[in-house]
Structure formats: structure tokens, C-alpha cells
Amino acid sequence: MFEIVALMLLSHQPMQPVIEGDASFYASSRRLKVTASGERLKDDQFTCAMRDGVFGEYYLVVAENGKSVVCKLNDRGPYVQGRVIDLSKAAMRALQAEDDVVSVKIYRLGDNPPRPPS
């Protein structure tokens, strides 16, 4: 009985961010750039690069302005001190960041991306 009550209580806890910090964007300098996961980098897809994590997992990225995107991890980086994630051009554009760097909170969603409401 205790396990069921504990599970019910834990399942109603708010999600905690995996990491918080600055995000920047990364772009393909040439058309055929291949990411660390082996996928081709496409500026129009919602992808990201982080130092840790499993390729193919999804992350919710919430900017300080309240905008958010769901990105698939497909690369390693960023390699600039103080940054915690690099976003594709499309993801950064969706966050409507006014600068090239934006403060974000990142939440791990796992293997299955959330489905948009129908």
C-alpha cells in the first residue's frame, strides 16, 4: 500500500529542469554537415547539441520570455564557456530570442516527443 501512495505522490511532482543556463544557436556552415549522432544538420529542424545526454532523446527548452520548443538531441556541444545548449536556427527562431544568446531552462522528455493537441 505504501508503494502505491508514494507513486501517486511522486507522479504529481512538477518537472525539475535538467540544467539552466545560456543557449545559443548552431548552424550548418555547409550544406552537408554531419552531427555527432551521424544525422545531417538541417537548420529548419528542431534539434540541439548538449555535452551530455542520449542521442535521439527530446528536451523541452523554455526561454526566459516564456516561449518554449521541443528539440531532439543530435549533436555534442556547445564548446563556448558558460553555454549549456546549442539550438538549431529554427528552434532559436521559435523562442523569439532578441539576441544570439538567451537564458533557458531545459527539461528531459525522453524518447517520445509530446504530440501536439489535435
Protein backbone atom coordinates (compact mmCIF):
# COMPACT_ATOMS: atom_id res chain seq x y z
CA MET A 1 0.00 0.00 0.00
CA PHE A 2 2.84 2.39 0.89
CA GLU A 3 4.39 1.96 -2.59
CA ILE A 4 1.12 2.96 -4.28
CA VAL A 5 0.73 6.09 -2.15
CA ALA A 6 4.39 7.05 -2.75
CA LEU A 7 3.97 6.55 -6.50
CA MET A 8 0.84 8.72 -6.53
CA LEU A 9 2.58 11.50 -4.63
CA LEU A 10 5.72 11.41 -6.78
CA SER A 11 3.81 11.36 -10.06
CA HIS A 12 2.22 14.73 -9.21
CA GLN A 13 5.51 16.49 -8.61
CA PRO A 14 6.42 19.26 -11.07
CA MET A 15 9.18 18.55 -13.54
CA GLN A 16 12.57 19.81 -12.50
CA PRO A 17 14.94 21.30 -15.07
CA VAL A 18 17.90 19.14 -16.05
CA ILE A 19 20.02 22.25 -16.42
CA GLU A 20 19.68 26.03 -16.59
CA GLY A 21 21.91 28.48 -18.39
CA ASP A 22 22.56 30.22 -21.67
CA ALA A 23 21.56 28.88 -25.07
CA SER A 24 22.99 29.89 -28.42
CA PHE A 25 22.35 28.59 -31.91
CA TYR A 26 24.43 26.46 -34.21
CA ALA A 27 24.04 26.38 -37.95
CA SER A 28 25.37 24.36 -40.81
CA SER A 29 28.24 26.26 -42.34
CA ARG A 30 27.96 23.95 -45.30
CA ARG A 31 25.05 22.00 -46.64
CA LEU A 32 26.26 18.52 -45.73
CA LYS A 33 27.43 18.98 -42.11
CA VAL A 34 27.07 15.74 -40.16
CA THR A 35 26.36 15.86 -36.41
CA ALA A 36 27.96 13.67 -33.74
CA SER A 37 24.94 11.33 -33.94
CA GLY A 38 25.51 10.79 -37.66
CA GLU A 39 22.46 12.82 -38.76
CA ARG A 40 22.78 15.69 -41.16
CA LEU A 41 22.34 19.11 -39.57
CA LYS A 42 19.31 20.87 -41.01
CA ASP A 43 18.66 24.44 -39.94
CA ASP A 44 14.89 24.05 -40.35
CA GLN A 45 14.51 21.17 -37.85
CA PHE A 46 14.18 21.44 -34.06
CA THR A 47 17.45 19.90 -32.89
CA CYS A 48 20.01 20.67 -30.21
CA ALA A 49 23.54 19.97 -29.04
CA MET A 50 24.46 19.30 -25.40
CA ARG A 51 27.55 17.92 -23.73
CA ASP A 52 25.62 15.09 -22.03
CA GLY A 53 22.52 13.10 -22.91
CA VAL A 54 21.42 10.31 -25.20
CA PHE A 55 21.17 10.99 -28.91
CA GLY A 56 17.57 10.79 -30.08
CA GLU A 57 16.04 11.94 -26.79
CA TYR A 58 13.85 15.02 -26.65
CA TYR A 59 14.23 18.08 -24.45
CA LEU A 60 11.85 20.90 -23.63
CA VAL A 61 13.68 24.23 -23.78
CA VAL A 62 11.93 27.14 -22.06
CA ALA A 63 13.29 30.65 -22.61
CA GLU A 64 13.13 33.44 -20.07
CA ASN A 65 10.44 35.13 -22.21
CA GLY A 66 8.12 32.12 -21.67
CA LYS A 67 8.42 30.71 -25.21
CA SER A 68 9.34 27.03 -25.49
CA VAL A 69 10.39 24.42 -28.04
CA VAL A 70 10.90 20.66 -28.04
CA CYS A 71 14.23 19.64 -29.58
CA LYS A 72 15.85 16.33 -30.44
CA LEU A 73 19.41 15.85 -29.19
CA ASN A 74 21.64 15.01 -32.16
CA ASP A 75 25.00 16.68 -31.53
CA ARG A 76 27.60 17.50 -28.88
CA GLY A 77 28.42 20.98 -27.68
CA PRO A 78 28.34 23.84 -27.06
CA TYR A 79 32.03 24.48 -26.85
CA VAL A 80 31.74 28.06 -25.61
CA GLN A 81 32.25 28.51 -21.87
CA GLY A 82 29.08 29.41 -20.00
CA ARG A 83 26.65 27.95 -22.55
CA VAL A 84 24.62 24.81 -21.79
CA ILE A 85 22.91 24.10 -25.13
CA ASP A 86 23.16 24.96 -28.81
CA LEU A 87 19.86 25.12 -30.70
CA SER A 88 19.18 24.85 -34.41
CA LYS A 89 18.25 28.07 -36.20
CA ALA A 90 14.59 27.01 -36.34
CA ALA A 91 14.46 26.32 -32.59
CA MET A 92 16.14 29.62 -31.71
CA ARG A 93 13.79 31.48 -34.04
CA ALA A 94 10.77 29.83 -32.37
CA LEU A 95 11.97 31.08 -28.99
CA GLN A 96 11.87 34.60 -30.45
CA ALA A 97 15.17 35.43 -28.81
CA GLU A 98 16.16 39.04 -29.34
CA ASP A 99 19.86 38.26 -29.03
CA ASP A 100 22.12 35.43 -30.16
CA VAL A 101 22.12 34.12 -26.57
CA VAL A 102 19.09 33.51 -24.34
CA SER A 103 18.68 32.19 -20.79
CA VAL A 104 16.82 28.88 -20.71
CA LYS A 105 15.66 26.02 -18.52
CA ILE A 106 15.95 22.55 -20.07
CA TYR A 107 13.72 19.59 -19.20
CA ARG A 108 14.34 15.99 -20.33
CA LEU A 109 11.31 14.44 -22.05
CA GLY A 110 12.83 11.11 -23.08
CA ASP A 111 12.47 9.05 -26.26
CA ASN A 112 8.94 10.01 -27.27
CA PRO A 113 8.21 13.60 -28.20
CA PRO A 114 4.90 15.02 -26.95
CA ARG A 115 2.15 15.09 -29.53
CA PRO A 116 0.60 18.46 -30.34
CA PRO A 117 -3.06 18.79 -29.33
CA SER A 118 -5.50 17.99 -32.11
